[in-house]
Amino acid sequence: MVTKKTTTTREQSERSSRRMTAKKPAKKKVVKKVAPVQVEMKLEETETPIVVEEKTNGNGSEKYFYAIGRRKESVARVRLFTKKSSDAVEGEKALIVVNGKDYTQYFSDVNLQYVVESPLKKLKSLNRFKATVLVKGGGSRGQADAVKHGIARALVLFDINFRKKLKKSGLLTRDPRVKERRKYGHKKARKSGQFSKR
């Protein structure tokens, strides 16, 4: 005669607790070998890596120094080249091309032209470099300041010794002043409507 073994709920709970406390075998960690990856260092502004690149023309390759300048809503992307003997220069004028036009045509105001060429004038190397600039956003004053900032940054990449002079004259500082936002219930940032007593 076969007798069935009866188990109580207490014994069942003890068994289940023993099962839970029992150690599970540790999984082996698989380490994959990954090829080393080159990481570009980002300086100051995190959006763009500032590196020396090469531009290929029909004639051959030409090295340039790339930097970005900003002011208000304007962003200027500057490529700075060293001037060649074949580049023609008229008098005391820099070789700067802004959005496909000469900077004197793009910025019709003489004061803005002085702003654009100020980093080169500070280093007394107006005819030593040539620059091509793509600028967008903002107004003419903001764009001129953005171009100035970009050229100054590119000059520092060309020669680190230029930094001291440019920094002292405030050409490397990104001007943070922007238009203040309009507030609720006001006509502009600070301007209110006319007060009426009755």
N, C-alpha and C. Protein backbone atom coordinates (compact mmCIF):
# COMPACT_ATOMS: atom_id res chain seq x y z
N MET A 1 0.83 -1.17 0.00
CA MET A 1 0.00 0.00 0.00
C MET A 1 0.89 1.25 0.00
N VAL A 2 0.60 2.18 -0.92
CA VAL A 2 1.41 3.40 -1.07
C VAL A 2 0.73 4.53 -0.32
N THR A 3 1.55 5.20 0.52
CA THR A 3 0.99 6.32 1.28
C THR A 3 1.54 7.63 0.72
N LYS A 4 0.70 8.61 0.59
CA LYS A 4 1.10 9.92 0.08
C LYS A 4 1.66 10.77 1.21
N LYS A 5 2.77 11.43 0.91
CA LYS A 5 3.42 12.29 1.90
C LYS A 5 2.78 13.68 1.81
N THR A 6 2.28 14.13 2.91
CA THR A 6 1.64 15.45 2.92
C THR A 6 2.62 16.49 3.44
N THR A 7 2.61 17.67 2.80
CA THR A 7 3.52 18.75 3.23
C THR A 7 2.68 19.93 3.69
N THR A 8 3.15 20.57 4.70
CA THR A 8 2.43 21.72 5.25
C THR A 8 2.85 22.99 4.50
N THR A 9 2.11 24.01 4.68
CA THR A 9 2.42 25.29 4.02
C THR A 9 3.72 25.87 4.55
N ARG A 10 4.05 25.57 5.81
CA ARG A 10 5.29 26.08 6.39
C ARG A 10 6.50 25.48 5.67
N GLU A 11 6.46 24.18 5.45
CA GLU A 11 7.55 23.50 4.76
C GLU A 11 7.69 24.03 3.33
N GLN A 12 6.57 24.28 2.68
CA GLN A 12 6.61 24.80 1.32
C GLN A 12 7.27 26.17 1.27
N SER A 13 6.95 27.03 2.22
CA SER A 13 7.54 28.38 2.24
C SER A 13 9.04 28.31 2.51
N GLU A 14 9.48 27.36 3.37
CA GLU A 14 10.90 27.20 3.64
C GLU A 14 11.65 26.77 2.38
N ARG A 15 11.06 25.83 1.64
CA ARG A 15 11.68 25.36 0.40
C ARG A 15 11.83 26.50 -0.61
N SER A 16 10.77 27.28 -0.76
CA SER A 16 10.82 28.38 -1.73
C SER A 16 11.86 29.44 -1.32
N SER A 17 11.99 29.69 0.00
CA SER A 17 12.99 30.66 0.45
C SER A 17 14.40 30.15 0.20
N ARG A 18 14.60 28.82 0.35
CA ARG A 18 15.91 28.23 0.06
C ARG A 18 16.26 28.36 -1.41
N ARG A 19 15.25 28.18 -2.25
CA ARG A 19 15.47 28.32 -3.69
C ARG A 19 15.88 29.75 -4.05
N MET A 20 15.22 30.72 -3.42
CA MET A 20 15.49 32.12 -3.72
C MET A 20 16.88 32.53 -3.24
N THR A 21 17.31 31.99 -2.09
CA THR A 21 18.61 32.39 -1.55
C THR A 21 19.76 31.66 -2.23
N ALA A 22 19.48 30.58 -2.92
CA ALA A 22 20.55 29.84 -3.60
C ALA A 22 21.20 30.72 -4.65
N LYS A 23 22.54 30.69 -4.72
CA LYS A 23 23.28 31.54 -5.65
C LYS A 23 23.14 31.02 -7.07
N LYS A 24 22.92 31.96 -7.95
CA LYS A 24 22.86 31.60 -9.36
C LYS A 24 24.27 31.66 -9.91
N PRO A 25 24.59 30.84 -10.88
CA PRO A 25 25.94 30.88 -11.45
C PRO A 25 26.16 32.21 -12.17
N ALA A 26 27.33 32.82 -11.91
CA ALA A 26 27.63 34.14 -12.49
C ALA A 26 27.86 34.01 -13.99
N LYS A 27 27.30 34.97 -14.74
CA LYS A 27 27.48 34.97 -16.19
C LYS A 27 28.86 35.51 -16.52
N LYS A 28 29.47 34.95 -17.52
CA LYS A 28 30.78 35.42 -17.95
C LYS A 28 30.60 36.70 -18.76
N LYS A 29 31.44 37.70 -18.43
CA LYS A 29 31.39 38.96 -19.16
C LYS A 29 32.23 38.84 -20.42
N VAL A 30 31.61 39.18 -21.52
CA VAL A 30 32.31 39.12 -22.81
C VAL A 30 32.81 40.52 -23.14
N VAL A 31 34.11 40.65 -23.28
CA VAL A 31 34.71 41.94 -23.60
C VAL A 31 35.07 41.94 -25.08
N LYS A 32 34.47 42.88 -25.80
CA LYS A 32 34.75 42.98 -27.23
C LYS A 32 35.88 43.97 -27.44
N LYS A 33 36.78 43.62 -28.32
CA LYS A 33 37.86 44.54 -28.66
C LYS A 33 37.37 45.49 -29.75
N VAL A 34 37.51 46.78 -29.47
CA VAL A 34 37.04 47.80 -30.41
C VAL A 34 38.25 48.56 -30.92
N ALA A 35 38.22 48.85 -32.21
CA ALA A 35 39.31 49.61 -32.81
C ALA A 35 39.33 51.02 -32.22
N PRO A 36 40.53 51.60 -32.01
CA PRO A 36 40.59 52.96 -31.45
C PRO A 36 39.95 53.98 -32.37
N VAL A 37 39.17 54.88 -31.80
CA VAL A 37 38.44 55.89 -32.56
C VAL A 37 39.09 57.25 -32.31
N GLN A 38 39.28 58.01 -33.37
CA GLN A 38 39.84 59.35 -33.21
C GLN A 38 38.72 60.31 -32.84
N VAL A 39 38.93 61.05 -31.77
CA VAL A 39 37.93 62.00 -31.29
C VAL A 39 38.46 63.41 -31.51
N GLU A 40 37.63 64.26 -32.14
CA GLU A 40 38.03 65.64 -32.37
C GLU A 40 37.82 66.45 -31.10
N MET A 41 38.83 67.23 -30.73
CA MET A 41 38.72 68.07 -29.53
C MET A 41 37.89 69.30 -29.85
N LYS A 42 37.00 69.64 -28.94
CA LYS A 42 36.16 70.81 -29.15
C LYS A 42 36.60 71.89 -28.18
N LEU A 43 36.92 73.05 -28.71
CA LEU A 43 37.42 74.15 -27.91
C LEU A 43 36.33 75.19 -27.68
N GLU A 44 36.28 75.73 -26.50
CA GLU A 44 35.43 76.87 -26.13
C GLU A 44 33.99 76.67 -26.54
N GLU A 45 33.68 76.81 -27.83
CA GLU A 45 32.32 76.64 -28.32
C GLU A 45 32.15 75.17 -28.70
N THR A 46 31.13 74.53 -28.19
CA THR A 46 30.99 73.09 -28.38
C THR A 46 30.40 72.71 -29.73
N GLU A 47 29.84 73.63 -30.49
CA GLU A 47 29.18 73.26 -31.73
C GLU A 47 30.15 72.83 -32.81
N THR A 48 31.34 73.47 -32.87
CA THR A 48 32.23 73.22 -33.99
C THR A 48 33.63 72.90 -33.55
N PRO A 49 34.19 71.81 -34.09
CA PRO A 49 35.60 71.57 -33.84
C PRO A 49 36.42 72.53 -34.69
N ILE A 50 37.40 73.19 -34.10
CA ILE A 50 38.21 74.15 -34.82
C ILE A 50 39.48 73.44 -35.27
N VAL A 51 39.57 73.16 -36.54
CA VAL A 51 40.72 72.43 -37.07
C VAL A 51 41.20 73.08 -38.36
N VAL A 52 42.42 72.75 -38.72
CA VAL A 52 42.96 73.20 -40.00
C VAL A 52 42.51 72.20 -41.04
N GLU A 53 41.91 72.67 -42.10
CA GLU A 53 41.40 71.77 -43.14
C GLU A 53 42.04 72.11 -44.47
N GLU A 54 41.73 71.32 -45.45
CA GLU A 54 42.24 71.57 -46.79
C GLU A 54 41.12 71.78 -47.77
N LYS A 55 41.30 72.74 -48.63
CA LYS A 55 40.31 73.02 -49.67
C LYS A 55 40.94 72.62 -50.99
N THR A 56 40.22 71.85 -51.77
CA THR A 56 40.77 71.43 -53.06
C THR A 56 40.18 72.28 -54.17
N ASN A 57 41.07 72.93 -54.87
CA ASN A 57 40.67 73.73 -56.03
C ASN A 57 41.02 72.94 -57.29
N GLY A 58 40.72 73.50 -58.43
CA GLY A 58 41.13 72.88 -59.69
C GLY A 58 42.64 72.87 -59.81
N ASN A 59 43.32 73.89 -59.23
CA ASN A 59 44.77 73.99 -59.31
C ASN A 59 45.46 73.02 -58.35
N GLY A 60 44.87 72.74 -57.23
CA GLY A 60 45.48 71.87 -56.22
C GLY A 60 44.84 72.11 -54.88
N SER A 61 45.51 71.66 -53.80
CA SER A 61 44.94 71.84 -52.47
C SER A 61 45.52 73.09 -51.81
N GLU A 62 44.66 73.75 -51.04
CA GLU A 62 45.05 74.99 -50.36
C GLU A 62 44.58 74.90 -48.92
N LYS A 63 45.50 75.11 -47.98
CA LYS A 63 45.14 75.00 -46.56
C LYS A 63 44.47 76.28 -46.08
N TYR A 64 43.54 76.10 -45.15
CA TYR A 64 42.89 77.25 -44.55
C TYR A 64 42.59 76.97 -43.08
N PHE A 65 42.30 78.03 -42.34
CA PHE A 65 41.97 77.94 -40.92
C PHE A 65 40.51 78.35 -40.75
N TYR A 66 39.74 77.45 -40.12
CA TYR A 66 38.29 77.62 -40.05
C TYR A 66 37.87 78.05 -38.64
N ALA A 67 37.02 79.08 -38.58
CA ALA A 67 36.49 79.53 -37.29
C ALA A 67 35.08 80.09 -37.48
N ILE A 68 34.34 80.13 -36.38
CA ILE A 68 32.97 80.66 -36.42
C ILE A 68 32.90 81.88 -35.51
N GLY A 69 32.27 82.95 -36.01
CA GLY A 69 32.06 84.16 -35.22
C GLY A 69 30.57 84.41 -35.07
N ARG A 70 30.19 84.97 -33.91
CA ARG A 70 28.77 85.22 -33.65
C ARG A 70 28.56 86.59 -33.03
N ARG A 71 27.38 87.16 -33.31
CA ARG A 71 26.95 88.40 -32.68
C ARG A 71 25.46 88.53 -32.88
N LYS A 72 24.71 88.77 -31.80
CA LYS A 72 23.24 88.85 -31.84
C LYS A 72 22.69 87.60 -32.53
N GLU A 73 21.99 87.75 -33.65
CA GLU A 73 21.42 86.61 -34.36
C GLU A 73 22.30 86.15 -35.52
N SER A 74 23.44 86.79 -35.73
CA SER A 74 24.29 86.52 -36.89
C SER A 74 25.33 85.45 -36.59
N VAL A 75 25.57 84.61 -37.59
CA VAL A 75 26.61 83.57 -37.50
C VAL A 75 27.46 83.67 -38.76
N ALA A 76 28.79 83.81 -38.57
CA ALA A 76 29.72 83.94 -39.69
C ALA A 76 30.69 82.76 -39.67
N ARG A 77 30.78 82.04 -40.79
CA ARG A 77 31.73 80.94 -40.94
C ARG A 77 32.90 81.44 -41.78
N VAL A 78 34.09 81.48 -41.17
CA VAL A 78 35.25 82.12 -41.79
C VAL A 78 36.29 81.07 -42.17
N ARG A 79 36.82 81.21 -43.39
CA ARG A 79 37.98 80.44 -43.85
C ARG A 79 39.10 81.42 -44.13
N LEU A 80 40.20 81.27 -43.41
CA LEU A 80 41.33 82.20 -43.53
C LEU A 80 42.47 81.52 -44.29
N PHE A 81 42.87 82.13 -45.39
CA PHE A 81 43.98 81.63 -46.21
C PHE A 81 45.16 82.60 -46.10
N THR A 82 46.35 82.08 -46.34
CA THR A 82 47.51 82.98 -46.47
C THR A 82 47.52 83.47 -47.91
N LYS A 83 47.82 84.76 -48.07
CA LYS A 83 47.76 85.38 -49.40
C LYS A 83 48.89 84.87 -50.29
N LYS A 84 48.56 84.62 -51.55
CA LYS A 84 49.57 84.21 -52.53
C LYS A 84 50.03 85.43 -53.33
N SER A 85 51.11 85.26 -54.04
CA SER A 85 51.64 86.36 -54.86
C SER A 85 50.71 86.66 -56.04
N SER A 86 49.93 85.67 -56.46
CA SER A 86 49.02 85.86 -57.60
C SER A 86 47.78 86.68 -57.24
N ASP A 87 47.46 86.78 -55.94
CA ASP A 87 46.28 87.54 -55.50
C ASP A 87 46.52 89.04 -55.64
N ALA A 88 45.63 89.71 -56.39
CA ALA A 88 45.78 91.15 -56.63
C ALA A 88 45.15 91.94 -55.49
N VAL A 89 45.87 92.98 -55.04
CA VAL A 89 45.38 93.83 -53.96
C VAL A 89 45.42 95.28 -54.41
N GLU A 90 44.32 96.01 -54.17
CA GLU A 90 44.27 97.42 -54.54
C GLU A 90 44.47 98.29 -53.30
N GLY A 91 45.65 98.89 -53.17
CA GLY A 91 45.93 99.83 -52.07
C GLY A 91 45.78 99.21 -50.71
N GLU A 92 45.31 100.02 -49.74
CA GLU A 92 45.12 99.57 -48.36
C GLU A 92 43.74 98.94 -48.19
N LYS A 93 43.61 97.71 -48.66
CA LYS A 93 42.34 97.01 -48.59
C LYS A 93 42.58 95.53 -48.33
N ALA A 94 41.76 94.95 -47.49
CA ALA A 94 41.90 93.53 -47.17
C ALA A 94 41.23 92.68 -48.25
N LEU A 95 41.68 91.44 -48.37
CA LEU A 95 41.06 90.49 -49.31
C LEU A 95 40.04 89.66 -48.56
N ILE A 96 38.85 90.20 -48.39
CA ILE A 96 37.78 89.50 -47.67
C ILE A 96 36.56 89.42 -48.58
N VAL A 97 36.09 88.20 -48.80
CA VAL A 97 34.90 87.96 -49.62
C VAL A 97 33.78 87.50 -48.69
N VAL A 98 32.67 88.25 -48.67
CA VAL A 98 31.53 87.92 -47.79
C VAL A 98 30.35 87.54 -48.67
N ASN A 99 29.87 86.32 -48.53
CA ASN A 99 28.74 85.78 -49.31
C ASN A 99 28.92 86.01 -50.82
N GLY A 100 30.12 85.77 -51.32
CA GLY A 100 30.39 85.87 -52.75
C GLY A 100 30.67 87.27 -53.26
N LYS A 101 30.61 88.29 -52.38
CA LYS A 101 30.89 89.67 -52.78
C LYS A 101 32.08 90.20 -51.98
N ASP A 102 32.74 91.21 -52.53
CA ASP A 102 33.80 91.88 -51.79
C ASP A 102 33.17 92.58 -50.57
N TYR A 103 33.88 92.60 -49.45
CA TYR A 103 33.28 93.14 -48.22
C TYR A 103 32.92 94.62 -48.33
N THR A 104 33.59 95.37 -49.22
CA THR A 104 33.24 96.78 -49.41
C THR A 104 31.90 96.94 -50.13
N GLN A 105 31.55 95.93 -50.95
CA GLN A 105 30.25 95.96 -51.63
C GLN A 105 29.15 95.42 -50.71
N TYR A 106 29.48 94.37 -49.96
CA TYR A 106 28.48 93.75 -49.09
C TYR A 106 28.10 94.70 -47.94
N PHE A 107 29.10 95.33 -47.32
CA PHE A 107 28.85 96.32 -46.27
C PHE A 107 29.10 97.70 -46.87
N SER A 108 28.03 98.36 -47.27
CA SER A 108 28.17 99.66 -47.94
C SER A 108 28.61 100.77 -46.97
N ASP A 109 28.28 100.62 -45.68
CA ASP A 109 28.66 101.62 -44.68
C ASP A 109 30.16 101.50 -44.38
N VAL A 110 30.86 102.63 -44.40
CA VAL A 110 32.32 102.65 -44.19
C VAL A 110 32.68 102.19 -42.77
N ASN A 111 31.84 102.54 -41.79
CA ASN A 111 32.11 102.13 -40.41
C ASN A 111 32.08 100.62 -40.25
N LEU A 112 31.15 99.96 -40.95
CA LEU A 112 31.08 98.49 -40.90
C LEU A 112 32.27 97.85 -41.59
N GLN A 113 32.78 98.50 -42.64
CA GLN A 113 33.99 98.01 -43.31
C GLN A 113 35.19 98.05 -42.36
N TYR A 114 35.28 99.14 -41.58
CA TYR A 114 36.36 99.25 -40.59
C TYR A 114 36.24 98.16 -39.52
N VAL A 115 35.00 97.84 -39.14
CA VAL A 115 34.76 96.80 -38.14
C VAL A 115 35.25 95.45 -38.66
N VAL A 116 34.94 95.14 -39.92
CA VAL A 116 35.30 93.85 -40.51
C VAL A 116 36.81 93.67 -40.59
N GLU A 117 37.52 94.73 -40.99
CA GLU A 117 38.98 94.59 -41.17
C GLU A 117 39.78 94.92 -39.91
N SER A 118 39.11 95.24 -38.80
CA SER A 118 39.81 95.63 -37.57
C SER A 118 40.78 94.57 -37.01
N PRO A 119 40.49 93.26 -37.04
CA PRO A 119 41.48 92.29 -36.52
C PRO A 119 42.77 92.29 -37.33
N LEU A 120 42.64 92.43 -38.66
CA LEU A 120 43.82 92.46 -39.52
C LEU A 120 44.61 93.76 -39.34
N LYS A 121 43.90 94.86 -39.15
CA LYS A 121 44.57 96.15 -38.93
C LYS A 121 45.31 96.15 -37.60
N LYS A 122 44.74 95.51 -36.60
CA LYS A 122 45.38 95.45 -35.28
C LYS A 122 46.73 94.76 -35.34
N LEU A 123 46.83 93.73 -36.20
CA LEU A 123 48.08 92.98 -36.36
C LEU A 123 48.98 93.56 -37.46
N LYS A 124 48.52 94.65 -38.08
CA LYS A 124 49.25 95.30 -39.18
C LYS A 124 49.56 94.31 -40.31
N SER A 125 48.58 93.49 -40.62
CA SER A 125 48.73 92.49 -41.69
C SER A 125 47.50 92.48 -42.58
N LEU A 126 47.15 93.67 -43.07
CA LEU A 126 45.94 93.84 -43.87
C LEU A 126 46.04 93.09 -45.20
N ASN A 127 47.24 93.10 -45.80
CA ASN A 127 47.44 92.46 -47.11
C ASN A 127 48.09 91.08 -47.01
N ARG A 128 48.23 90.56 -45.80
CA ARG A 128 48.92 89.27 -45.62
C ARG A 128 47.98 88.07 -45.77
N PHE A 129 46.70 88.28 -45.47
CA PHE A 129 45.73 87.18 -45.48
C PHE A 129 44.59 87.48 -46.43
N LYS A 130 43.89 86.39 -46.81
CA LYS A 130 42.62 86.55 -47.53
C LYS A 130 41.61 85.64 -46.84
N ALA A 131 40.35 86.05 -46.83
CA ALA A 131 39.32 85.30 -46.11
C ALA A 131 38.06 85.19 -46.94
N THR A 132 37.44 84.04 -46.89
CA THR A 132 36.10 83.87 -47.48
C THR A 132 35.14 83.60 -46.33
N VAL A 133 34.02 84.33 -46.33
CA VAL A 133 33.08 84.29 -45.21
C VAL A 133 31.69 83.99 -45.72
N LEU A 134 30.99 83.10 -45.01
CA LEU A 134 29.55 82.87 -45.23
C LEU A 134 28.85 83.35 -43.97
N VAL A 135 28.02 84.37 -44.11
CA VAL A 135 27.34 84.93 -42.94
C VAL A 135 25.84 84.94 -43.18
N LYS A 136 25.08 84.63 -42.11
CA LYS A 136 23.62 84.63 -42.24
C LYS A 136 23.00 85.07 -40.92
N GLY A 137 21.77 85.56 -41.01
CA GLY A 137 21.01 85.96 -39.82
C GLY A 137 21.34 87.37 -39.36
N GLY A 138 20.37 88.00 -38.71
CA GLY A 138 20.58 89.32 -38.12
C GLY A 138 20.64 90.44 -39.14
N GLY A 139 21.06 91.60 -38.67
CA GLY A 139 21.17 92.77 -39.52
C GLY A 139 22.61 93.00 -39.93
N SER A 140 22.83 94.12 -40.63
CA SER A 140 24.16 94.39 -41.17
C SER A 140 25.20 94.62 -40.07
N ARG A 141 24.81 95.31 -38.99
CA ARG A 141 25.75 95.56 -37.89
C ARG A 141 26.14 94.25 -37.19
N GLY A 142 25.16 93.41 -36.93
CA GLY A 142 25.42 92.13 -36.29
C GLY A 142 26.29 91.24 -37.15
N GLN A 143 26.04 91.26 -38.47
CA GLN A 143 26.84 90.45 -39.38
C GLN A 143 28.28 90.93 -39.44
N ALA A 144 28.48 92.24 -39.44
CA ALA A 144 29.85 92.80 -39.46
C ALA A 144 30.61 92.39 -38.21
N ASP A 145 29.95 92.45 -37.06
CA ASP A 145 30.60 92.05 -35.80
C ASP A 145 30.89 90.55 -35.78
N ALA A 146 29.99 89.74 -36.36
CA ALA A 146 30.21 88.29 -36.42
C ALA A 146 31.40 87.95 -37.30
N VAL A 147 31.54 88.66 -38.43
CA VAL A 147 32.69 88.46 -39.33
C VAL A 147 33.98 88.83 -38.62
N LYS A 148 33.95 89.95 -37.90
CA LYS A 148 35.12 90.41 -37.13
C LYS A 148 35.54 89.34 -36.12
N HIS A 149 34.58 88.80 -35.40
CA HIS A 149 34.84 87.78 -34.37
C HIS A 149 35.42 86.51 -35.00
N GLY A 150 34.85 86.09 -36.13
CA GLY A 150 35.33 84.88 -36.81
C GLY A 150 36.75 85.05 -37.34
N ILE A 151 37.07 86.20 -37.93
CA ILE A 151 38.41 86.45 -38.46
C ILE A 151 39.44 86.45 -37.32
N ALA A 152 39.08 87.08 -36.20
CA ALA A 152 39.99 87.12 -35.05
C ALA A 152 40.28 85.71 -34.52
N ARG A 153 39.27 84.88 -34.46
CA ARG A 153 39.46 83.49 -34.00
C ARG A 153 40.32 82.69 -34.97
N ALA A 154 40.11 82.88 -36.26
CA ALA A 154 40.90 82.17 -37.26
C ALA A 154 42.37 82.61 -37.21
N LEU A 155 42.62 83.89 -36.94
CA LEU A 155 43.99 84.40 -36.83
C LEU A 155 44.72 83.75 -35.65
N VAL A 156 44.00 83.51 -34.56
CA VAL A 156 44.61 82.84 -33.40
C VAL A 156 44.99 81.40 -33.75
N LEU A 157 44.17 80.75 -34.56
CA LEU A 157 44.50 79.39 -35.00
C LEU A 157 45.73 79.40 -35.90
N PHE A 158 45.87 80.43 -36.70
CA PHE A 158 47.03 80.56 -37.58
C PHE A 158 48.30 80.72 -36.75
N ASP A 159 48.28 81.60 -35.75
CA ASP A 159 49.44 81.82 -34.89
C ASP A 159 48.96 82.17 -33.48
N ILE A 160 49.32 81.34 -32.51
CA ILE A 160 48.86 81.53 -31.13
C ILE A 160 49.41 82.81 -30.51
N ASN A 161 50.51 83.33 -31.07
CA ASN A 161 51.11 84.56 -30.55
C ASN A 161 50.23 85.79 -30.82
N PHE A 162 49.31 85.69 -31.79
CA PHE A 162 48.40 86.79 -32.08
C PHE A 162 47.37 86.99 -30.97
N ARG A 163 47.17 85.94 -30.17
CA ARG A 163 46.10 85.93 -29.17
C ARG A 163 46.21 87.09 -28.19
N LYS A 164 47.42 87.37 -27.72
CA LYS A 164 47.61 88.39 -26.69
C LYS A 164 47.12 89.76 -27.16
N LYS A 165 47.51 90.14 -28.39
CA LYS A 165 47.11 91.44 -28.93
C LYS A 165 45.61 91.52 -29.17
N LEU A 166 45.06 90.45 -29.77
CA LEU A 166 43.63 90.43 -30.10
C LEU A 166 42.77 90.41 -28.84
N LYS A 167 43.21 89.66 -27.83
CA LYS A 167 42.46 89.57 -26.57
C LYS A 167 42.47 90.91 -25.85
N LYS A 168 43.60 91.59 -25.88
CA LYS A 168 43.73 92.88 -25.19
C LYS A 168 42.79 93.92 -25.80
N SER A 169 42.64 93.87 -27.13
CA SER A 169 41.76 94.83 -27.80
C SER A 169 40.30 94.37 -27.82
N GLY A 170 39.98 93.22 -27.22
CA GLY A 170 38.60 92.75 -27.08
C GLY A 170 37.99 92.15 -28.33
N LEU A 171 38.84 91.71 -29.26
CA LEU A 171 38.32 91.15 -30.52
C LEU A 171 37.97 89.67 -30.41
N LEU A 172 38.47 88.98 -29.40
CA LEU A 172 38.17 87.55 -29.23
C LEU A 172 36.96 87.30 -28.34
N THR A 173 36.48 88.35 -27.67
CA THR A 173 35.35 88.18 -26.76
C THR A 173 34.05 88.15 -27.54
N ARG A 174 33.24 87.14 -27.30
CA ARG A 174 31.92 87.03 -27.92
C ARG A 174 30.99 88.00 -27.19
N ASP A 175 30.52 89.01 -27.89
CA ASP A 175 29.66 90.04 -27.28
C ASP A 175 28.31 89.42 -26.93
N PRO A 176 27.96 89.30 -25.65
CA PRO A 176 26.74 88.58 -25.27
C PRO A 176 25.47 89.41 -25.32
N ARG A 177 25.58 90.70 -25.63
CA ARG A 177 24.40 91.57 -25.57
C ARG A 177 23.41 91.25 -26.69
N VAL A 178 22.19 90.95 -26.30
CA VAL A 178 21.13 90.66 -27.27
C VAL A 178 19.87 91.41 -26.85
N LYS A 179 18.90 91.47 -27.74
CA LYS A 179 17.65 92.17 -27.44
C LYS A 179 16.88 91.42 -26.36
N GLU A 180 16.36 92.19 -25.41
CA GLU A 180 15.60 91.61 -24.30
C GLU A 180 14.21 91.21 -24.79
N ARG A 181 13.67 90.15 -24.23
CA ARG A 181 12.37 89.66 -24.69
C ARG A 181 11.24 90.57 -24.25
N ARG A 182 10.16 90.54 -25.03
CA ARG A 182 8.96 91.32 -24.70
C ARG A 182 8.26 90.67 -23.52
N LYS A 183 7.76 91.51 -22.60
CA LYS A 183 7.07 90.99 -21.42
C LYS A 183 5.55 91.08 -21.61
N TYR A 184 4.86 90.18 -20.93
CA TYR A 184 3.40 90.12 -21.00
C TYR A 184 2.80 91.39 -20.42
N GLY A 185 1.85 91.98 -21.15
CA GLY A 185 1.18 93.19 -20.68
C GLY A 185 1.92 94.48 -21.04
N HIS A 186 3.11 94.35 -21.66
CA HIS A 186 3.88 95.52 -22.07
C HIS A 186 3.99 95.55 -23.59
N LYS A 187 4.31 96.72 -24.11
CA LYS A 187 4.43 96.85 -25.56
C LYS A 187 5.77 96.30 -26.04
N LYS A 188 6.83 96.54 -25.25
CA LYS A 188 8.16 96.00 -25.56
C LYS A 188 8.74 95.40 -24.29
N ALA A 189 10.07 95.27 -24.23
CA ALA A 189 10.69 94.65 -23.06
C ALA A 189 10.42 95.45 -21.78
N ARG A 190 10.52 96.77 -21.86
CA ARG A 190 10.28 97.62 -20.69
C ARG A 190 9.14 98.61 -20.89
N LYS A 191 8.86 98.96 -22.14
CA LYS A 191 7.86 99.98 -22.45
C LYS A 191 6.44 99.51 -22.08
N SER A 192 5.71 100.36 -21.38
CA SER A 192 4.33 100.03 -21.01
C SER A 192 3.37 100.89 -21.84
N GLY A 193 2.10 100.52 -21.78
CA GLY A 193 1.07 101.36 -22.41
C GLY A 193 0.86 102.61 -21.58
N GLN A 194 0.17 103.63 -22.14
CA GLN A 194 -0.06 104.87 -21.42
C GLN A 194 -1.04 104.64 -20.27
N PHE A 195 -0.68 105.17 -19.12
CA PHE A 195 -1.55 105.01 -17.94
C PHE A 195 -2.76 105.93 -18.04
N SER A 196 -3.93 105.40 -17.78
CA SER A 196 -5.15 106.20 -17.79
C SER A 196 -5.84 106.05 -16.43
N LYS A 197 -6.02 107.19 -15.74
CA LYS A 197 -6.62 107.14 -14.40
C LYS A 197 -8.10 106.81 -14.49
N ARG A 198 -8.81 107.39 -15.48
CA ARG A 198 -10.26 107.13 -15.63
C ARG A 198 -10.57 106.65 -17.02
